[in-house]
């Protein structure tokens, strides 16, 4: 809670990225996939989003060959 206050932003708009556990502004989070229970969508920070999409591309290309 202290870290949110030090950021100088509204604490209700700060979320934790489930992948990297960093604090990130909620408006910048990107939809990644559905959660394991099948309800709702898991949102991650832009860095994790790019990393996971790059990994998915590598897997997709490896399967295609």
PDB file of N, CA and C in Angstrom:
ATOM      1  N   UNK A   1       0.826  -1.186   0.000  1.00  0.00           N
ATOM      2  CA  UNK A   1       0.000   0.000   0.000  1.00  0.00           C
ATOM      3  C   UNK A   1       0.868   1.247   0.000  1.00  0.00           C
ATOM      4  N   UNK A   2       1.971   1.215   0.710  1.00  0.00           N
ATOM      5  CA  UNK A   2       2.865   2.364   0.776  1.00  0.00           C
ATOM      6  C   UNK A   2       3.443   2.686  -0.586  1.00  0.00           C
ATOM      7  N   UNK A   3       3.778   1.638  -1.377  1.00  0.00           N
ATOM      8  CA  UNK A   3       4.354   1.880  -2.696  1.00  0.00           C
ATOM      9  C   UNK A   3       3.358   2.572  -3.614  1.00  0.00           C
ATOM     10  N   UNK A   4       2.069   2.249  -3.488  1.00  0.00           N
ATOM     11  CA  UNK A   4       1.049   2.894  -4.313  1.00  0.00           C
ATOM     12  C   UNK A   4       0.973   4.381  -3.989  1.00  0.00           C
ATOM     13  N   UNK A   5       1.035   4.718  -2.705  1.00  0.00           N
ATOM     14  CA  UNK A   5       0.960   6.112  -2.301  1.00  0.00           C
ATOM     15  C   UNK A   5       2.183   6.879  -2.779  1.00  0.00           C
ATOM     16  N   UNK A   6       3.344   6.223  -2.809  1.00  0.00           N
ATOM     17  CA  UNK A   6       4.566   6.885  -3.249  1.00  0.00           C
ATOM     18  C   UNK A   6       4.552   7.151  -4.747  1.00  0.00           C
ATOM     19  N   UNK A   7       3.765   6.399  -5.502  1.00  0.00           N
ATOM     20  CA  UNK A   7       3.697   6.578  -6.944  1.00  0.00           C
ATOM     21  C   UNK A   7       2.952   7.864  -7.310  1.00  0.00           C
ATOM     22  N   UNK A   8       2.132   8.362  -6.405  1.00  0.00           N
ATOM     23  CA  UNK A   8       1.431   9.600  -6.669  1.00  0.00           C
ATOM     24  C   UNK A   8       0.205   9.445  -7.539  1.00  0.00           C
ATOM     25  N   UNK A   9      -0.291   8.245  -7.680  1.00  0.00           N
ATOM     26  CA  UNK A   9      -1.475   8.001  -8.499  1.00  0.00           C
ATOM     27  C   UNK A   9      -2.584   7.474  -7.617  1.00  0.00           C
ATOM     28  N   UNK A  10      -3.768   7.438  -8.161  1.00  0.00           N
ATOM     29  CA  UNK A  10      -4.917   6.897  -7.445  1.00  0.00           C
ATOM     30  C   UNK A  10      -4.689   5.405  -7.191  1.00  0.00           C
ATOM     31  N   UNK A  11      -4.640   4.961  -5.942  1.00  0.00           N
ATOM     32  CA  UNK A  11      -4.372   3.546  -5.648  1.00  0.00           C
ATOM     33  C   UNK A  11      -5.384   2.585  -6.256  1.00  0.00           C
ATOM     34  N   UNK A  12      -6.590   3.032  -6.520  1.00  0.00           N
ATOM     35  CA  UNK A  12      -7.580   2.135  -7.109  1.00  0.00           C
ATOM     36  C   UNK A  12      -7.271   1.842  -8.576  1.00  0.00           C
ATOM     37  N   UNK A  13      -6.396   2.616  -9.196  1.00  0.00           N
ATOM     38  CA  UNK A  13      -6.046   2.397 -10.595  1.00  0.00           C
ATOM     39  C   UNK A  13      -4.719   1.657 -10.754  1.00  0.00           C
ATOM     40  N   UNK A  14      -4.128   1.227  -9.661  1.00  0.00           N
ATOM     41  CA  UNK A  14      -2.871   0.490  -9.685  1.00  0.00           C
ATOM     42  C   UNK A  14      -3.170  -0.986  -9.446  1.00  0.00           C
ATOM     43  N   UNK A  15      -2.659  -1.838 -10.331  1.00  0.00           N
ATOM     44  CA  UNK A  15      -2.865  -3.282 -10.211  1.00  0.00           C
ATOM     45  C   UNK A  15      -1.508  -3.981 -10.210  1.00  0.00           C
ATOM     46  N   UNK A  16      -1.512  -5.248  -9.833  1.00  0.00           N
ATOM     47  CA  UNK A  16      -0.312  -6.071  -9.855  1.00  0.00           C
ATOM     48  C   UNK A  16      -0.397  -6.993 -11.060  1.00  0.00           C
ATOM     49  N   UNK A  17       0.656  -7.011 -11.861  1.00  0.00           N
ATOM     50  CA  UNK A  17       0.704  -7.914 -13.010  1.00  0.00           C
ATOM     51  C   UNK A  17       0.849  -9.340 -12.485  1.00  0.00           C
ATOM     52  N   UNK A  18      -0.023 -10.270 -12.906  1.00  0.00           N
ATOM     53  CA  UNK A  18       0.068 -11.644 -12.397  1.00  0.00           C
ATOM     54  C   UNK A  18       1.303 -12.398 -12.886  1.00  0.00           C
ATOM     55  N   UNK A  19       1.937 -11.945 -13.953  1.00  0.00           N
ATOM     56  CA  UNK A  19       3.116 -12.624 -14.485  1.00  0.00           C
ATOM     57  C   UNK A  19       4.398 -12.197 -13.772  1.00  0.00           C
ATOM     58  N   UNK A  20       4.628 -10.890 -13.691  1.00  0.00           N
ATOM     59  CA  UNK A  20       5.906 -10.390 -13.159  1.00  0.00           C
ATOM     60  C   UNK A  20       5.778  -9.766 -11.775  1.00  0.00           C
ATOM     61  N   UNK A  21       4.557  -9.606 -11.279  1.00  0.00           N
ATOM     62  CA  UNK A  21       4.274  -9.074  -9.945  1.00  0.00           C
ATOM     63  C   UNK A  21       4.690  -7.609  -9.765  1.00  0.00           C
ATOM     64  N   UNK A  22       4.803  -6.868 -10.847  1.00  0.00           N
ATOM     65  CA  UNK A  22       5.097  -5.441 -10.745  1.00  0.00           C
ATOM     66  C   UNK A  22       3.803  -4.657 -10.626  1.00  0.00           C
ATOM     67  N   UNK A  23       3.888  -3.496 -10.004  1.00  0.00           N
ATOM     68  CA  UNK A  23       2.744  -2.599  -9.939  1.00  0.00           C
ATOM     69  C   UNK A  23       2.643  -1.864 -11.264  1.00  0.00           C
ATOM     70  N   UNK A  24       1.438  -1.819 -11.810  1.00  0.00           N
ATOM     71  CA  UNK A  24       1.237  -1.206 -13.120  1.00  0.00           C
ATOM     72  C   UNK A  24      -0.107  -0.499 -13.123  1.00  0.00           C
ATOM     73  N   UNK A  25      -0.222   0.570 -13.881  1.00  0.00           N
ATOM     74  CA  UNK A  25      -1.492   1.273 -13.985  1.00  0.00           C
ATOM     75  C   UNK A  25      -2.481   0.390 -14.746  1.00  0.00           C
ATOM     76  N   UNK A  26      -3.673   0.267 -14.235  1.00  0.00           N
ATOM     77  CA  UNK A  26      -4.661  -0.658 -14.785  1.00  0.00           C
ATOM     78  C   UNK A  26      -5.021  -0.348 -16.240  1.00  0.00           C
ATOM     79  N   UNK A  27      -4.988   0.905 -16.622  1.00  0.00           N
ATOM     80  CA  UNK A  27      -5.375   1.263 -17.988  1.00  0.00           C
ATOM     81  C   UNK A  27      -4.365   0.787 -19.026  1.00  0.00           C
ATOM     82  N   UNK A  28      -3.139   0.438 -18.625  1.00  0.00           N
ATOM     83  CA  UNK A  28      -2.132  -0.023 -19.579  1.00  0.00           C
ATOM     84  C   UNK A  28      -2.071  -1.536 -19.690  1.00  0.00           C
ATOM     85  N   UNK A  29      -2.843  -2.250 -18.880  1.00  0.00           N
ATOM     86  CA  UNK A  29      -2.807  -3.715 -18.917  1.00  0.00           C
ATOM     87  C   UNK A  29      -3.495  -4.237 -20.176  1.00  0.00           C
ATOM     88  N   UNK A  30      -2.982  -5.359 -20.698  1.00  0.00           N
ATOM     89  CA  UNK A  30      -3.483  -5.936 -21.942  1.00  0.00           C
ATOM     90  C   UNK A  30      -4.093  -7.311 -21.686  1.00  0.00           C
ATOM     91  N   UNK A  31      -5.136  -7.677 -22.430  1.00  0.00           N
ATOM     92  CA  UNK A  31      -5.740  -9.007 -22.250  1.00  0.00           C
ATOM     93  C   UNK A  31      -4.842 -10.088 -22.826  1.00  0.00           C
ATOM     94  N   UNK A  32      -4.575 -11.111 -22.031  1.00  0.00           N
ATOM     95  CA  UNK A  32      -3.670 -12.168 -22.472  1.00  0.00           C
ATOM     96  C   UNK A  32      -4.436 -13.448 -22.790  1.00  0.00           C
ATOM     97  N   UNK A  33      -5.211 -13.929 -21.852  1.00  0.00           N
ATOM     98  CA  UNK A  33      -5.933 -15.184 -22.066  1.00  0.00           C
ATOM     99  C   UNK A  33      -7.011 -15.330 -21.010  1.00  0.00           C
ATOM    100  N   UNK A  34      -7.823 -16.335 -21.200  1.00  0.00           N
ATOM    101  CA  UNK A  34      -8.816 -16.653 -20.174  1.00  0.00           C
ATOM    102  C   UNK A  34      -8.110 -17.335 -19.019  1.00  0.00           C
ATOM    103  N   UNK A  35      -8.649 -17.165 -17.825  1.00  0.00           N
ATOM    104  CA  UNK A  35      -8.022 -17.822 -16.680  1.00  0.00           C
ATOM    105  C   UNK A  35      -8.334 -19.313 -16.675  1.00  0.00           C
ATOM    106  N   UNK A  36      -7.755 -20.050 -15.755  1.00  0.00           N
ATOM    107  CA  UNK A  36      -7.870 -21.510 -15.750  1.00  0.00           C
ATOM    108  C   UNK A  36      -9.293 -21.997 -15.532  1.00  0.00           C
ATOM    109  N   UNK A  37     -10.101 -21.235 -14.846  1.00  0.00           N
ATOM    110  CA  UNK A  37     -11.470 -21.657 -14.575  1.00  0.00           C
ATOM    111  C   UNK A  37     -12.403 -21.391 -15.749  1.00  0.00           C
ATOM    112  N   UNK A  38     -11.922 -20.670 -16.757  1.00  0.00           N
ATOM    113  CA  UNK A  38     -12.715 -20.423 -17.943  1.00  0.00           C
ATOM    114  C   UNK A  38     -13.619 -19.215 -17.864  1.00  0.00           C
ATOM    115  N   UNK A  39     -13.571 -18.493 -16.768  1.00  0.00           N
ATOM    116  CA  UNK A  39     -14.400 -17.293 -16.662  1.00  0.00           C
ATOM    117  C   UNK A  39     -13.494 -16.078 -16.487  1.00  0.00           C
ATOM    118  N   UNK A  40     -13.766 -15.059 -17.233  1.00  0.00           N
ATOM    119  CA  UNK A  40     -12.961 -13.856 -17.128  1.00  0.00           C
ATOM    120  C   UNK A  40     -11.715 -13.910 -18.003  1.00  0.00           C
ATOM    121  N   UNK A  41     -11.032 -12.801 -18.069  1.00  0.00           N
ATOM    122  CA  UNK A  41      -9.837 -12.681 -18.896  1.00  0.00           C
ATOM    123  C   UNK A  41      -8.689 -12.248 -18.007  1.00  0.00           C
ATOM    124  N   UNK A  42      -7.507 -12.824 -18.210  1.00  0.00           N
ATOM    125  CA  UNK A  42      -6.328 -12.460 -17.446  1.00  0.00           C
ATOM    126  C   UNK A  42      -5.622 -11.299 -18.139  1.00  0.00           C
ATOM    127  N   UNK A  43      -5.367 -10.233 -17.406  1.00  0.00           N
ATOM    128  CA  UNK A  43      -4.691  -9.053 -17.929  1.00  0.00           C
ATOM    129  C   UNK A  43      -3.276  -8.997 -17.408  1.00  0.00           C
ATOM    130  N   UNK A  44      -2.332  -8.588 -18.257  1.00  0.00           N
ATOM    131  CA  UNK A  44      -0.926  -8.485 -17.877  1.00  0.00           C
ATOM    132  C   UNK A  44      -0.373  -7.137 -18.328  1.00  0.00           C
ATOM    133  N   UNK A  45       0.808  -6.803 -17.841  1.00  0.00           N
ATOM    134  CA  UNK A  45       1.450  -5.537 -18.216  1.00  0.00           C
ATOM    135  C   UNK A  45       1.930  -5.626 -19.672  1.00  0.00           C
ATOM    136  N   UNK A  46       2.208  -4.498 -20.317  1.00  0.00           N
ATOM    137  CA  UNK A  46       2.642  -4.524 -21.722  1.00  0.00           C
ATOM    138  C   UNK A  46       3.920  -5.318 -21.961  1.00  0.00           C
ATOM    139  N   UNK A  47       4.866  -5.307 -21.014  1.00  0.00           N
ATOM    140  CA  UNK A  47       6.108  -6.059 -21.184  1.00  0.00           C
ATOM    141  C   UNK A  47       5.845  -7.560 -21.211  1.00  0.00           C
ATOM    142  N   UNK A  48       5.043  -8.042 -20.286  1.00  0.00           N
ATOM    143  CA  UNK A  48       4.699  -9.470 -20.252  1.00  0.00           C
ATOM    144  C   UNK A  48       3.872  -9.853 -21.477  1.00  0.00           C
ATOM    145  N   UNK A  49       3.012  -8.960 -21.923  1.00  0.00           N
ATOM    146  CA  UNK A  49       2.189  -9.210 -23.100  1.00  0.00           C
ATOM    147  C   UNK A  49       3.079  -9.452 -24.326  1.00  0.00           C
ATOM    148  N   UNK A  50       4.068  -8.583 -24.538  1.00  0.00           N
ATOM    149  CA  UNK A  50       4.982  -8.748 -25.676  1.00  0.00           C
ATOM    150  C   UNK A  50       5.795 -10.029 -25.554  1.00  0.00           C
ATOM    151  N   UNK A  51       6.263 -10.331 -24.341  1.00  0.00           N
ATOM    152  CA  UNK A  51       7.075 -11.518 -24.118  1.00  0.00           C
ATOM    153  C   UNK A  51       6.282 -12.789 -24.404  1.00  0.00           C
ATOM    154  N   UNK A  52       5.061 -12.868 -23.904  1.00  0.00           N
ATOM    155  CA  UNK A  52       4.241 -14.066 -24.100  1.00  0.00           C
ATOM    156  C   UNK A  52       3.840 -14.222 -25.563  1.00  0.00           C
ATOM    157  N   UNK A  53       3.510 -13.129 -26.233  1.00  0.00           N
ATOM    158  CA  UNK A  53       3.160 -13.238 -27.653  1.00  0.00           C
ATOM    159  C   UNK A  53       4.358 -13.679 -28.488  1.00  0.00           C
ATOM    160  N   UNK A  54       5.559 -13.236 -28.136  1.00  0.00           N
ATOM    161  CA  UNK A  54       6.759 -13.674 -28.845  1.00  0.00           C
ATOM    162  C   UNK A  54       7.000 -15.167 -28.622  1.00  0.00           C
ATOM    163  N   UNK A  55       6.783 -15.631 -27.391  1.00  0.00           N
ATOM    164  CA  UNK A  55       6.939 -17.062 -27.114  1.00  0.00           C
ATOM    165  C   UNK A  55       5.897 -17.884 -27.877  1.00  0.00           C
ATOM    166  N   UNK A  56       4.683 -17.389 -27.939  1.00  0.00           N
ATOM    167  CA  UNK A  56       3.639 -18.096 -28.688  1.00  0.00           C
ATOM    168  C   UNK A  56       3.995 -18.183 -30.167  1.00  0.00           C
ATOM    169  N   UNK A  57       4.597 -17.129 -30.701  1.00  0.00           N
ATOM    170  CA  UNK A  57       4.985 -17.119 -32.115  1.00  0.00           C
ATOM    171  C   UNK A  57       6.073 -18.152 -32.374  1.00  0.00           C
ATOM    172  N   UNK A  58       7.044 -18.256 -31.485  1.00  0.00           N
ATOM    173  CA  UNK A  58       8.107 -19.243 -31.630  1.00  0.00           C
ATOM    174  C   UNK A  58       7.534 -20.650 -31.621  1.00  0.00           C
ATOM    175  N   UNK A  59       6.612 -20.915 -30.704  1.00  0.00           N
ATOM    176  CA  UNK A  59       5.991 -22.242 -30.628  1.00  0.00           C
ATOM    177  C   UNK A  59       5.175 -22.519 -31.877  1.00  0.00           C
ATOM    178  N   UNK A  60       4.422 -21.525 -32.330  1.00  0.00           N
ATOM    179  CA  UNK A  60       3.592 -21.703 -33.519  1.00  0.00           C
ATOM    180  C   UNK A  60       4.467 -21.996 -34.741  1.00  0.00           C
ATOM    181  N   UNK A  61       5.601 -21.284 -34.884  1.00  0.00           N
ATOM    182  CA  UNK A  61       6.498 -21.520 -36.014  1.00  0.00           C
ATOM    183  C   UNK A  61       7.168 -22.881 -35.919  1.00  0.00           C
ATOM    184  N   UNK A  62       7.514 -23.314 -34.704  1.00  0.00           N
ATOM    185  CA  UNK A  62       8.148 -24.625 -34.538  1.00  0.00           C
ATOM    186  C   UNK A  62       7.177 -25.752 -34.866  1.00  0.00           C
ATOM    187  N   UNK A  63       5.929 -25.595 -34.534  1.00  0.00           N
ATOM    188  CA  UNK A  63       4.932 -26.623 -34.839  1.00  0.00           C
ATOM    189  C   UNK A  63       4.619 -26.688 -36.321  1.00  0.00           C
ATOM    190  N   UNK A  64       4.746 -25.556 -37.002  1.00  0.00           N
ATOM    191  CA  UNK A  64       4.413 -25.493 -38.425  1.00  0.00           C
ATOM    192  C   UNK A  64       5.433 -26.162 -39.311  1.00  0.00           C
ATOM    193  N   UNK A  65       6.632 -26.374 -38.813  1.00  0.00           N
ATOM    194  CA  UNK A  65       7.691 -26.954 -39.653  1.00  0.00           C
ATOM    195  C   UNK A  65       7.743 -28.450 -39.563  1.00  0.00           C
TER     196      UNK A  65
END
